[in-house]
Every structure is written in structure tokens, then in C-alpha cells.
Amino acid sequence: MGHRRGAASAAVTAVVFALALTGCGGGGGGAKGDGKPAGSTSASHGAGATGADSTPSDEPSKVIAQLKGEAGMVVTINSAVRDSGGYVTVKGEITNNGDEPFSATDWMGEEVALQASGDSVAGASLIDEAGKKRYYVLRDTGGMCLCTMGLTGIEPQETRPFFAQFPSPPPTTTQVEFELPTMPPAKITISEG
């Protein structure tokens, strides 16, 4: 009897642990399951890993903004979609056109709580100039950003997908400014999902 309870307890613990890893490992896969379309969840599970190559392939030729920074880093934004759950998800690609490997250490933001997300786009924000509001990347209950994490060792000429999820500005706000530390800001248009 003791072995059955131990085995059942271990199985429950393993399932809970697996779900926790799924929610945090992709930077928001778990939260995206809460009322999000199924397609957006798959893009977040491997964010920053090799399995995430599907994110930019949704609309590879559509470019709504491009930020060019130091050391040849280019951030291309392919979409900014508002969903019915009250969120805006920004997706795109990060390309290292420089000569040295790049890690997004400076992009995680200066706030100590965001540093738990490691090399990521956790420091990104959306600025609603008309509404005079700034929207920060959402975090899960563990403090991890709902964004691509693991943006380390991006080799020269390498491109990786990224996403970041924000609270939605009011429906009347369709244009915002996307900001990422160390990069120039870019105006983007929010589309309805």
C-alpha cells in the first residue's frame, strides 16, 4: 500500500513539475493556454530553443518594423496582434549581423524582478503616446517574463524568433511604440486577432 501511494504521489509530482516547466520554459506557454488560440502556444514552448523556428514562419515576409542597434543587431517585428483575452503579442526575429556572438543581457531590463528571466526581451515595453501609458512585458506567477528567454550565444549571421506578450492598450489604440533597451524605438500597428 505504501508503494502505491508513493508511486501515485511521484506521478502527480512529475505531472505538476512537467506542467510548471512547460509554463516557464518557453517564457509563457502556460499563461498562453489561458484563453489563447492554440497556435500562439506552440510558438512559445521552444522560444529561444531550436524548436521555436516556427514563430517567424507564420508571416516571414511581413515586416511591420525594424530596429537596428549596436554590434549589427537587428530586431524585425513581423506582427503585433491583440487577442480577445486582452493581450498584445509581438512576434518577430532577432538577427546578429555583427562579427561577435550576442547575448541579450541588456535587453532583460534593469528591474531586478525581470532579471529572473535571464537573457531575454523582458525589458521590452509598448508606449501608448495618446493614452500616456507604458505597457511592460507580462510575467507569470514565478516572475518569469511571458517572452522569449534563452537569447544567449546568438552567433554572427544567426536569426532567432522572439515573442513578447503585453497587456492590451484600449481597443481605440492601434499604434504604439515598441521599445527595447539599447535599441532605437519603433512605431508599430496593432492588428486584431
N, C-alpha and C. Protein backbone atom coordinates (compact mmCIF):
# COMPACT_ATOMS: atom_id res chain seq x y z
N MET A 1 0.82 -1.19 0.00
CA MET A 1 0.00 0.00 0.00
C MET A 1 0.86 1.25 0.00
N GLY A 2 1.96 1.25 0.77
CA GLY A 2 2.84 2.40 0.85
C GLY A 2 3.50 2.70 -0.48
N HIS A 3 3.80 1.63 -1.25
CA HIS A 3 4.43 1.84 -2.55
C HIS A 3 3.46 2.46 -3.55
N ARG A 4 2.19 2.08 -3.48
CA ARG A 4 1.20 2.66 -4.38
C ARG A 4 1.03 4.15 -4.12
N ARG A 5 0.93 4.52 -2.87
CA ARG A 5 0.79 5.94 -2.54
C ARG A 5 2.03 6.71 -2.96
N GLY A 6 3.19 6.10 -2.72
CA GLY A 6 4.45 6.76 -3.12
C GLY A 6 4.52 6.92 -4.63
N ALA A 7 4.11 5.87 -5.36
CA ALA A 7 4.14 5.93 -6.82
C ALA A 7 3.13 6.95 -7.33
N ALA A 8 1.93 6.96 -6.73
CA ALA A 8 0.91 7.92 -7.15
C ALA A 8 1.35 9.34 -6.85
N SER A 9 1.93 9.51 -5.67
CA SER A 9 2.43 10.84 -5.30
C SER A 9 3.54 11.28 -6.24
N ALA A 10 4.43 10.37 -6.59
CA ALA A 10 5.53 10.70 -7.51
C ALA A 10 4.98 11.04 -8.89
N ALA A 11 3.95 10.30 -9.32
CA ALA A 11 3.37 10.58 -10.64
C ALA A 11 2.72 11.96 -10.67
N VAL A 12 1.98 12.30 -9.61
CA VAL A 12 1.34 13.61 -9.54
C VAL A 12 2.40 14.70 -9.51
N THR A 13 3.45 14.48 -8.72
CA THR A 13 4.54 15.46 -8.65
C THR A 13 5.20 15.64 -10.00
N ALA A 14 5.42 14.53 -10.72
CA ALA A 14 6.04 14.61 -12.05
C ALA A 14 5.17 15.40 -13.02
N VAL A 15 3.85 15.17 -12.98
CA VAL A 15 2.95 15.89 -13.87
C VAL A 15 2.96 17.38 -13.55
N VAL A 16 2.88 17.73 -12.26
CA VAL A 16 2.90 19.13 -11.85
C VAL A 16 4.22 19.78 -12.27
N PHE A 17 5.32 19.07 -12.06
CA PHE A 17 6.62 19.60 -12.44
C PHE A 17 6.71 19.80 -13.96
N ALA A 18 6.20 18.84 -14.73
CA ALA A 18 6.23 18.97 -16.19
C ALA A 18 5.39 20.16 -16.64
N LEU A 19 4.23 20.34 -16.02
CA LEU A 19 3.39 21.48 -16.38
C LEU A 19 4.09 22.79 -16.01
N ALA A 20 4.76 22.82 -14.87
CA ALA A 20 5.47 24.04 -14.46
C ALA A 20 6.59 24.35 -15.43
N LEU A 21 7.31 23.32 -15.87
CA LEU A 21 8.38 23.54 -16.83
C LEU A 21 7.84 24.03 -18.16
N THR A 22 6.72 23.46 -18.59
CA THR A 22 6.12 23.89 -19.84
C THR A 22 5.70 25.35 -19.75
N GLY A 23 5.14 25.75 -18.62
CA GLY A 23 4.68 27.13 -18.43
C GLY A 23 5.82 28.12 -18.37
N CYS A 24 6.95 27.73 -17.77
CA CYS A 24 8.05 28.67 -17.59
C CYS A 24 9.12 28.51 -18.65
N GLY A 25 9.32 27.31 -19.15
CA GLY A 25 10.43 27.06 -20.07
C GLY A 25 10.34 27.87 -21.34
N GLY A 26 9.17 28.11 -21.84
CA GLY A 26 9.02 28.87 -23.08
C GLY A 26 8.73 30.32 -22.81
N GLY A 27 8.78 30.71 -21.59
CA GLY A 27 8.54 32.10 -21.27
C GLY A 27 7.08 32.48 -21.37
N GLY A 28 6.19 31.55 -21.11
CA GLY A 28 4.80 31.97 -21.09
C GLY A 28 3.87 30.98 -21.72
N GLY A 29 4.36 29.79 -22.05
CA GLY A 29 3.50 28.80 -22.66
C GLY A 29 2.29 28.49 -21.81
N GLY A 30 2.47 28.42 -20.48
CA GLY A 30 1.36 28.09 -19.60
C GLY A 30 0.32 29.18 -19.60
N ALA A 31 0.71 30.42 -19.54
CA ALA A 31 -0.25 31.52 -19.49
C ALA A 31 -0.95 31.67 -20.83
N LYS A 32 -0.28 31.29 -21.90
CA LYS A 32 -0.91 31.42 -23.20
C LYS A 32 -2.07 30.44 -23.34
N GLY A 33 -2.06 29.35 -22.57
CA GLY A 33 -3.14 28.40 -22.63
C GLY A 33 -4.41 28.94 -21.99
N ASP A 34 -4.31 30.01 -21.26
CA ASP A 34 -5.47 30.59 -20.60
C ASP A 34 -6.23 31.49 -21.55
N GLY A 35 -7.04 30.90 -22.43
CA GLY A 35 -7.86 31.71 -23.32
C GLY A 35 -7.15 32.12 -24.59
N LYS A 36 -6.00 31.58 -24.85
CA LYS A 36 -5.25 31.96 -26.05
C LYS A 36 -5.53 30.97 -27.16
N PRO A 37 -5.38 31.39 -28.40
CA PRO A 37 -5.52 30.45 -29.50
C PRO A 37 -4.41 29.41 -29.42
N ALA A 38 -4.70 28.19 -29.83
CA ALA A 38 -3.74 27.10 -29.72
C ALA A 38 -2.47 27.40 -30.52
N GLY A 39 -2.56 28.08 -31.61
CA GLY A 39 -1.39 28.36 -32.44
C GLY A 39 -0.37 29.22 -31.74
N SER A 40 -0.79 30.13 -30.88
CA SER A 40 0.17 31.00 -30.22
C SER A 40 0.94 30.26 -29.15
N THR A 41 0.39 29.18 -28.59
CA THR A 41 1.08 28.44 -27.55
C THR A 41 2.28 27.72 -28.13
N SER A 42 2.16 27.11 -29.30
CA SER A 42 3.25 26.35 -29.85
C SER A 42 4.46 27.22 -30.14
N ALA A 43 4.26 28.46 -30.46
CA ALA A 43 5.38 29.34 -30.74
C ALA A 43 6.15 29.66 -29.48
N SER A 44 5.51 29.60 -28.33
CA SER A 44 6.19 30.00 -27.10
C SER A 44 6.92 28.84 -26.44
N HIS A 45 6.52 27.61 -26.68
CA HIS A 45 7.12 26.50 -25.95
C HIS A 45 8.61 26.40 -26.15
N GLY A 46 9.11 26.59 -27.34
CA GLY A 46 10.53 26.45 -27.57
C GLY A 46 11.22 27.77 -27.76
N ALA A 47 10.60 28.84 -27.36
CA ALA A 47 11.17 30.16 -27.59
C ALA A 47 12.59 30.21 -27.09
N GLY A 48 13.49 30.59 -27.96
CA GLY A 48 14.89 30.65 -27.62
C GLY A 48 15.59 29.33 -27.86
N ALA A 49 14.87 28.29 -28.22
CA ALA A 49 15.45 27.00 -28.50
C ALA A 49 15.23 26.65 -29.96
N THR A 50 15.79 25.54 -30.37
CA THR A 50 15.71 25.19 -31.78
C THR A 50 14.30 24.91 -32.27
N GLY A 51 13.39 24.48 -31.40
CA GLY A 51 12.03 24.17 -31.81
C GLY A 51 11.19 25.39 -32.10
N ALA A 52 11.67 26.58 -31.83
CA ALA A 52 10.86 27.78 -31.98
C ALA A 52 10.97 28.40 -33.36
N ASP A 53 11.61 27.71 -34.28
CA ASP A 53 11.79 28.28 -35.61
C ASP A 53 10.47 28.53 -36.32
N SER A 54 9.35 27.99 -35.82
CA SER A 54 8.07 28.17 -36.48
C SER A 54 7.46 29.54 -36.24
N THR A 55 7.91 30.27 -35.22
CA THR A 55 7.30 31.56 -34.91
C THR A 55 7.35 32.53 -36.09
N PRO A 56 8.53 32.82 -36.67
CA PRO A 56 8.54 33.80 -37.74
C PRO A 56 8.00 33.25 -39.05
N SER A 57 7.90 31.92 -39.20
CA SER A 57 7.44 31.38 -40.47
C SER A 57 5.95 31.61 -40.69
N ASP A 58 5.23 32.04 -39.64
CA ASP A 58 3.81 32.34 -39.80
C ASP A 58 3.62 33.41 -40.87
N GLU A 59 4.44 34.44 -40.86
CA GLU A 59 4.39 35.51 -41.84
C GLU A 59 5.82 36.03 -42.07
N PRO A 60 6.69 35.22 -42.69
CA PRO A 60 8.09 35.60 -42.77
C PRO A 60 8.36 36.86 -43.59
N SER A 61 7.54 37.17 -44.56
CA SER A 61 7.83 38.31 -45.42
C SER A 61 7.22 39.61 -44.90
N LYS A 62 6.28 39.53 -43.96
CA LYS A 62 5.65 40.73 -43.44
C LYS A 62 6.54 41.36 -42.38
N VAL A 63 6.91 42.61 -42.58
CA VAL A 63 7.72 43.35 -41.62
C VAL A 63 6.96 44.61 -41.26
N ILE A 64 6.60 44.75 -39.97
CA ILE A 64 5.89 45.97 -39.58
C ILE A 64 6.83 46.99 -38.95
N ALA A 65 8.03 46.55 -38.54
CA ALA A 65 9.03 47.47 -38.01
C ALA A 65 10.37 46.76 -37.93
N GLN A 66 11.42 47.56 -37.92
CA GLN A 66 12.76 47.01 -37.78
C GLN A 66 13.60 47.96 -36.93
N LEU A 67 14.27 47.40 -35.92
CA LEU A 67 15.13 48.17 -35.04
C LEU A 67 16.56 47.72 -35.30
N LYS A 68 17.45 48.68 -35.52
CA LYS A 68 18.85 48.35 -35.76
C LYS A 68 19.68 48.96 -34.65
N GLY A 69 20.45 48.10 -33.97
CA GLY A 69 21.22 48.56 -32.83
C GLY A 69 22.71 48.34 -33.00
N GLU A 70 23.41 48.44 -31.89
CA GLU A 70 24.85 48.30 -31.88
C GLU A 70 25.27 46.88 -32.24
N ALA A 71 26.50 46.75 -32.68
CA ALA A 71 27.13 45.46 -32.98
C ALA A 71 26.37 44.66 -34.04
N GLY A 72 25.63 45.35 -34.91
CA GLY A 72 24.96 44.67 -36.02
C GLY A 72 23.69 43.94 -35.64
N MET A 73 23.12 44.20 -34.46
CA MET A 73 21.89 43.51 -34.06
C MET A 73 20.68 44.16 -34.72
N VAL A 74 19.81 43.32 -35.27
CA VAL A 74 18.60 43.78 -35.94
C VAL A 74 17.41 43.02 -35.35
N VAL A 75 16.41 43.78 -34.90
CA VAL A 75 15.16 43.19 -34.41
C VAL A 75 14.09 43.52 -35.43
N THR A 76 13.53 42.49 -36.03
CA THR A 76 12.47 42.64 -37.03
C THR A 76 11.16 42.22 -36.39
N ILE A 77 10.17 43.10 -36.45
CA ILE A 77 8.85 42.78 -35.89
C ILE A 77 7.93 42.41 -37.04
N ASN A 78 7.39 41.19 -36.96
CA ASN A 78 6.51 40.68 -38.01
C ASN A 78 5.03 40.85 -37.68
N SER A 79 4.68 40.91 -36.39
CA SER A 79 3.27 41.08 -36.04
C SER A 79 3.13 41.61 -34.62
N ALA A 80 2.04 42.30 -34.40
CA ALA A 80 1.62 42.77 -33.08
C ALA A 80 0.11 42.58 -33.08
N VAL A 81 -0.34 41.52 -32.44
CA VAL A 81 -1.74 41.11 -32.53
C VAL A 81 -2.43 41.20 -31.17
N ARG A 82 -3.56 41.90 -31.17
CA ARG A 82 -4.41 41.99 -29.97
C ARG A 82 -5.40 40.84 -30.03
N ASP A 83 -5.50 40.09 -28.94
CA ASP A 83 -6.47 38.99 -28.93
C ASP A 83 -7.66 39.33 -28.03
N SER A 84 -8.64 38.47 -28.03
CA SER A 84 -9.86 38.73 -27.27
C SER A 84 -9.65 38.63 -25.76
N GLY A 85 -8.53 38.05 -25.34
CA GLY A 85 -8.25 37.91 -23.92
C GLY A 85 -7.66 39.16 -23.28
N GLY A 86 -7.40 40.20 -24.08
CA GLY A 86 -6.87 41.44 -23.53
C GLY A 86 -5.36 41.55 -23.56
N TYR A 87 -4.73 40.82 -24.47
CA TYR A 87 -3.28 40.84 -24.58
C TYR A 87 -2.85 41.25 -25.98
N VAL A 88 -1.63 41.77 -26.08
CA VAL A 88 -0.99 42.03 -27.36
C VAL A 88 0.27 41.19 -27.40
N THR A 89 0.39 40.36 -28.44
CA THR A 89 1.58 39.54 -28.60
C THR A 89 2.37 40.07 -29.79
N VAL A 90 3.62 40.43 -29.51
CA VAL A 90 4.54 40.92 -30.54
C VAL A 90 5.45 39.76 -30.90
N LYS A 91 5.57 39.47 -32.21
CA LYS A 91 6.44 38.39 -32.69
C LYS A 91 7.37 38.92 -33.76
N GLY A 92 8.53 38.31 -33.82
CA GLY A 92 9.47 38.70 -34.85
C GLY A 92 10.73 37.87 -34.81
N GLU A 93 11.82 38.47 -35.29
CA GLU A 93 13.10 37.78 -35.38
C GLU A 93 14.21 38.70 -34.89
N ILE A 94 15.23 38.08 -34.34
CA ILE A 94 16.44 38.78 -33.93
C ILE A 94 17.57 38.23 -34.78
N THR A 95 18.28 39.12 -35.46
CA THR A 95 19.37 38.71 -36.33
C THR A 95 20.67 39.37 -35.89
N ASN A 96 21.71 38.56 -35.81
CA ASN A 96 23.03 39.07 -35.48
C ASN A 96 23.80 39.27 -36.78
N ASN A 97 23.86 40.52 -37.24
CA ASN A 97 24.63 40.85 -38.45
C ASN A 97 26.05 41.30 -38.09
N GLY A 98 26.42 41.14 -36.82
CA GLY A 98 27.74 41.55 -36.36
C GLY A 98 28.77 40.46 -36.54
N ASP A 99 29.93 40.69 -35.94
CA ASP A 99 31.05 39.76 -36.06
C ASP A 99 31.26 38.92 -34.81
N GLU A 100 30.56 39.21 -33.72
CA GLU A 100 30.73 38.52 -32.45
C GLU A 100 29.42 37.90 -32.00
N PRO A 101 29.48 36.81 -31.23
CA PRO A 101 28.25 36.25 -30.65
C PRO A 101 27.57 37.30 -29.76
N PHE A 102 26.25 37.23 -29.67
CA PHE A 102 25.46 38.22 -28.92
C PHE A 102 24.59 37.51 -27.90
N SER A 103 24.51 38.08 -26.71
CA SER A 103 23.57 37.63 -25.68
C SER A 103 22.75 38.84 -25.26
N ALA A 104 21.46 38.63 -25.07
CA ALA A 104 20.52 39.73 -24.82
C ALA A 104 20.50 40.17 -23.36
N THR A 105 21.64 40.19 -22.72
CA THR A 105 21.73 40.57 -21.31
C THR A 105 21.16 41.96 -21.07
N ASP A 106 21.48 42.92 -21.93
CA ASP A 106 21.00 44.29 -21.75
C ASP A 106 19.51 44.45 -22.09
N TRP A 107 18.91 43.46 -22.73
CA TRP A 107 17.51 43.55 -23.13
C TRP A 107 16.55 43.06 -22.06
N MET A 108 17.07 42.45 -21.00
CA MET A 108 16.17 41.90 -19.99
C MET A 108 15.62 42.98 -19.07
N GLY A 109 16.15 44.18 -19.13
CA GLY A 109 15.66 45.28 -18.31
C GLY A 109 16.43 45.39 -17.01
N GLU A 110 16.32 46.53 -16.39
CA GLU A 110 17.07 46.80 -15.16
C GLU A 110 16.32 46.39 -13.90
N GLU A 111 15.02 46.21 -14.00
CA GLU A 111 14.23 45.84 -12.83
C GLU A 111 14.67 44.46 -12.34
N VAL A 112 14.99 44.35 -11.07
CA VAL A 112 15.53 43.11 -10.50
C VAL A 112 14.59 41.93 -10.76
N ALA A 113 13.29 42.14 -10.65
CA ALA A 113 12.33 41.05 -10.86
C ALA A 113 12.41 40.49 -12.27
N LEU A 114 12.73 41.31 -13.26
CA LEU A 114 12.81 40.84 -14.63
C LEU A 114 14.07 40.04 -14.89
N GLN A 115 15.09 40.22 -14.07
CA GLN A 115 16.34 39.53 -14.29
C GLN A 115 16.22 38.03 -14.07
N ALA A 116 15.15 37.59 -13.44
CA ALA A 116 14.90 36.16 -13.30
C ALA A 116 14.71 35.49 -14.65
N SER A 117 14.33 36.25 -15.66
CA SER A 117 14.10 35.71 -16.99
C SER A 117 15.39 35.54 -17.78
N GLY A 118 16.51 36.00 -17.24
CA GLY A 118 17.79 35.83 -17.93
C GLY A 118 17.85 36.61 -19.22
N ASP A 119 18.74 36.18 -20.10
CA ASP A 119 18.92 36.85 -21.39
C ASP A 119 17.64 36.70 -22.20
N SER A 120 16.90 37.81 -22.30
CA SER A 120 15.57 37.76 -22.89
C SER A 120 15.18 39.16 -23.37
N VAL A 121 13.95 39.28 -23.86
CA VAL A 121 13.40 40.58 -24.23
C VAL A 121 12.46 41.08 -23.14
N ALA A 122 12.71 40.68 -21.88
CA ALA A 122 11.85 41.04 -20.75
C ALA A 122 11.80 42.54 -20.51
N GLY A 123 12.78 43.29 -20.98
CA GLY A 123 12.80 44.73 -20.78
C GLY A 123 12.04 45.51 -21.84
N ALA A 124 11.40 44.82 -22.76
CA ALA A 124 10.64 45.50 -23.82
C ALA A 124 9.40 46.16 -23.24
N SER A 125 8.92 47.20 -23.91
CA SER A 125 7.68 47.85 -23.50
C SER A 125 6.97 48.42 -24.71
N LEU A 126 5.68 48.62 -24.56
CA LEU A 126 4.86 49.29 -25.56
C LEU A 126 4.45 50.63 -24.99
N ILE A 127 4.59 51.70 -25.77
CA ILE A 127 4.24 53.04 -25.32
C ILE A 127 3.02 53.52 -26.10
N ASP A 128 1.97 53.82 -25.36
CA ASP A 128 0.76 54.41 -25.93
C ASP A 128 0.88 55.92 -25.69
N GLU A 129 1.39 56.62 -26.68
CA GLU A 129 1.63 58.06 -26.52
C GLU A 129 0.33 58.83 -26.32
N ALA A 130 -0.72 58.46 -27.06
CA ALA A 130 -2.00 59.16 -26.93
C ALA A 130 -2.60 58.96 -25.54
N GLY A 131 -2.53 57.74 -25.03
CA GLY A 131 -3.08 57.44 -23.72
C GLY A 131 -2.11 57.71 -22.58
N LYS A 132 -0.88 58.11 -22.93
CA LYS A 132 0.16 58.41 -21.95
C LYS A 132 0.39 57.25 -20.98
N LYS A 133 0.53 56.03 -21.57
CA LYS A 133 0.76 54.84 -20.75
C LYS A 133 1.87 53.99 -21.36
N ARG A 134 2.58 53.30 -20.47
CA ARG A 134 3.62 52.35 -20.86
C ARG A 134 3.16 50.96 -20.42
N TYR A 135 3.26 49.99 -21.32
CA TYR A 135 2.88 48.61 -21.03
C TYR A 135 4.13 47.74 -21.05
N TYR A 136 4.35 47.03 -19.94
CA TYR A 136 5.53 46.18 -19.80
C TYR A 136 5.19 44.73 -20.15
N VAL A 137 6.22 43.96 -20.46
CA VAL A 137 6.04 42.53 -20.74
C VAL A 137 5.41 41.88 -19.52
N LEU A 138 4.41 41.06 -19.75
CA LEU A 138 3.73 40.35 -18.67
C LEU A 138 4.65 39.32 -18.04
N ARG A 139 4.37 38.98 -16.78
CA ARG A 139 5.13 37.96 -16.07
C ARG A 139 4.18 36.91 -15.52
N ASP A 140 4.69 35.69 -15.38
CA ASP A 140 3.88 34.64 -14.76
C ASP A 140 4.01 34.75 -13.25
N THR A 141 3.37 33.84 -12.53
CA THR A 141 3.37 33.91 -11.06
C THR A 141 4.75 33.68 -10.47
N GLY A 142 5.65 33.09 -11.23
CA GLY A 142 7.02 32.88 -10.77
C GLY A 142 7.94 34.03 -11.10
N GLY A 143 7.41 35.08 -11.72
CA GLY A 143 8.22 36.24 -12.07
C GLY A 143 8.91 36.14 -13.42
N MET A 144 8.72 35.05 -14.14
CA MET A 144 9.33 34.89 -15.46
C MET A 144 8.51 35.66 -16.49
N CYS A 145 9.21 36.27 -17.43
CA CYS A 145 8.51 37.04 -18.45
C CYS A 145 7.73 36.14 -19.38
N LEU A 146 6.66 36.67 -19.95
CA LEU A 146 5.92 35.97 -21.00
C LEU A 146 6.53 36.45 -22.30
N CYS A 147 7.76 36.00 -22.50
CA CYS A 147 8.55 36.41 -23.66
C CYS A 147 9.61 35.35 -23.94
N THR A 148 10.31 35.53 -25.02
CA THR A 148 11.38 34.61 -25.36
C THR A 148 12.54 34.80 -24.39
N MET A 149 12.97 33.67 -23.84
CA MET A 149 14.13 33.66 -22.95
C MET A 149 15.23 32.82 -23.61
N GLY A 150 16.39 32.80 -23.01
CA GLY A 150 17.48 31.98 -23.54
C GLY A 150 18.13 32.60 -24.76
N LEU A 151 18.08 33.91 -24.86
CA LEU A 151 18.69 34.60 -26.01
C LEU A 151 20.16 34.84 -25.72
N THR A 152 20.90 33.77 -25.71
CA THR A 152 22.33 33.82 -25.42
C THR A 152 23.10 33.13 -26.53
N GLY A 153 24.30 33.61 -26.79
CA GLY A 153 25.15 32.98 -27.79
C GLY A 153 24.58 33.01 -29.20
N ILE A 154 23.93 34.10 -29.57
CA ILE A 154 23.42 34.23 -30.95
C ILE A 154 24.64 34.50 -31.83
N GLU A 155 24.95 33.56 -32.67
CA GLU A 155 26.16 33.63 -33.50
C GLU A 155 26.02 34.64 -34.63
N PRO A 156 27.15 35.13 -35.17
CA PRO A 156 27.08 36.02 -36.33
C PRO A 156 26.30 35.36 -37.48
N GLN A 157 25.42 36.13 -38.09
CA GLN A 157 24.55 35.72 -39.19
C GLN A 157 23.44 34.76 -38.76
N GLU A 158 23.26 34.57 -37.47
CA GLU A 158 22.19 33.71 -36.96
C GLU A 158 20.93 34.54 -36.72
N THR A 159 19.77 33.95 -37.00
CA THR A 159 18.48 34.57 -36.74
C THR A 159 17.69 33.67 -35.81
N ARG A 160 17.09 34.28 -34.79
CA ARG A 160 16.24 33.53 -33.86
C ARG A 160 14.89 34.23 -33.75
N PRO A 161 13.83 33.45 -33.57
CA PRO A 161 12.50 34.04 -33.38
C PRO A 161 12.36 34.58 -31.95
N PHE A 162 11.45 35.52 -31.77
CA PHE A 162 11.14 36.01 -30.44
C PHE A 162 9.67 36.37 -30.37
N PHE A 163 9.17 36.41 -29.13
CA PHE A 163 7.83 36.93 -28.88
C PHE A 163 7.85 37.63 -27.53
N ALA A 164 6.93 38.53 -27.33
CA ALA A 164 6.72 39.18 -26.04
C ALA A 164 5.24 39.50 -25.93
N GLN A 165 4.67 39.23 -24.76
CA GLN A 165 3.24 39.46 -24.57
C GLN A 165 3.03 40.59 -23.56
N PHE A 166 2.13 41.49 -23.90
CA PHE A 166 1.86 42.69 -23.11
C PHE A 166 0.37 42.78 -22.79
N PRO A 167 0.01 43.55 -21.75
CA PRO A 167 -1.40 43.88 -21.56
C PRO A 167 -1.84 44.74 -22.76
N SER A 168 -3.06 44.61 -23.16
CA SER A 168 -3.53 45.36 -24.32
C SER A 168 -3.89 46.80 -23.97
N PRO A 169 -3.43 47.74 -24.79
CA PRO A 169 -3.95 49.10 -24.66
C PRO A 169 -5.44 49.09 -25.03
N PRO A 170 -6.16 50.17 -24.79
CA PRO A 170 -7.58 50.22 -25.17
C PRO A 170 -7.78 49.90 -26.66
N PRO A 171 -8.92 49.34 -27.01
CA PRO A 171 -9.18 48.97 -28.41
C PRO A 171 -9.03 50.13 -29.39
N THR A 172 -9.23 51.34 -28.92
CA THR A 172 -9.10 52.50 -29.81
C THR A 172 -7.63 52.82 -30.13
N THR A 173 -6.71 52.27 -29.35
CA THR A 173 -5.28 52.49 -29.61
C THR A 173 -4.79 51.42 -30.57
N THR A 174 -4.43 51.85 -31.77
CA THR A 174 -3.95 50.91 -32.77
C THR A 174 -2.48 51.10 -33.10
N GLN A 175 -1.90 52.21 -32.70
CA GLN A 175 -0.48 52.44 -32.95
C GLN A 175 0.24 52.72 -31.63
N VAL A 176 1.34 51.99 -31.42
CA VAL A 176 2.15 52.15 -30.22
C VAL A 176 3.62 52.18 -30.63
N GLU A 177 4.45 52.50 -29.68
CA GLU A 177 5.88 52.48 -29.91
C GLU A 177 6.46 51.28 -29.18
N PHE A 178 7.23 50.45 -29.88
CA PHE A 178 7.89 49.30 -29.28
C PHE A 178 9.28 49.74 -28.86
N GLU A 179 9.60 49.52 -27.58
CA GLU A 179 10.91 49.90 -27.07
C GLU A 179 11.60 48.69 -26.48
N LEU A 180 12.91 48.60 -26.73
CA LEU A 180 13.75 47.53 -26.22
C LEU A 180 15.05 48.19 -25.78
N PRO A 181 15.51 47.93 -24.54
CA PRO A 181 16.73 48.59 -24.07
C PRO A 181 17.88 48.46 -25.07
N THR A 182 18.63 49.51 -25.23
CA THR A 182 19.80 49.67 -26.12
C THR A 182 19.44 49.80 -27.60
N MET A 183 18.16 49.70 -27.94
CA MET A 183 17.74 49.78 -29.35
C MET A 183 16.90 51.05 -29.54
N PRO A 184 16.89 51.60 -30.76
CA PRO A 184 16.00 52.72 -31.01
C PRO A 184 14.55 52.26 -31.03
N PRO A 185 13.61 53.09 -30.60
CA PRO A 185 12.19 52.69 -30.61
C PRO A 185 11.64 52.63 -32.05
N ALA A 186 10.53 51.92 -32.18
CA ALA A 186 9.88 51.82 -33.49
C ALA A 186 8.38 51.84 -33.31
N LYS A 187 7.69 52.56 -34.20
CA LYS A 187 6.22 52.59 -34.17
C LYS A 187 5.70 51.33 -34.85
N ILE A 188 4.72 50.70 -34.19
CA ILE A 188 4.09 49.51 -34.76
C ILE A 188 2.58 49.64 -34.68
N THR A 189 1.90 48.97 -35.58
CA THR A 189 0.44 48.99 -35.61
C THR A 189 -0.06 47.66 -35.07
N ILE A 190 -1.00 47.75 -34.15
CA ILE A 190 -1.60 46.56 -33.55
C ILE A 190 -2.76 46.11 -34.43
N SER A 191 -2.74 44.83 -34.80
CA SER A 191 -3.85 44.27 -35.57
C SER A 191 -4.72 43.45 -34.62
N GLU A 192 -5.93 43.20 -35.04
CA GLU A 192 -6.87 42.41 -34.23
C GLU A 192 -6.73 40.95 -34.59
N GLY A 193 -6.69 40.08 -33.56
CA GLY A 193 -6.51 38.65 -33.78
C GLY A 193 -7.77 37.88 -33.86
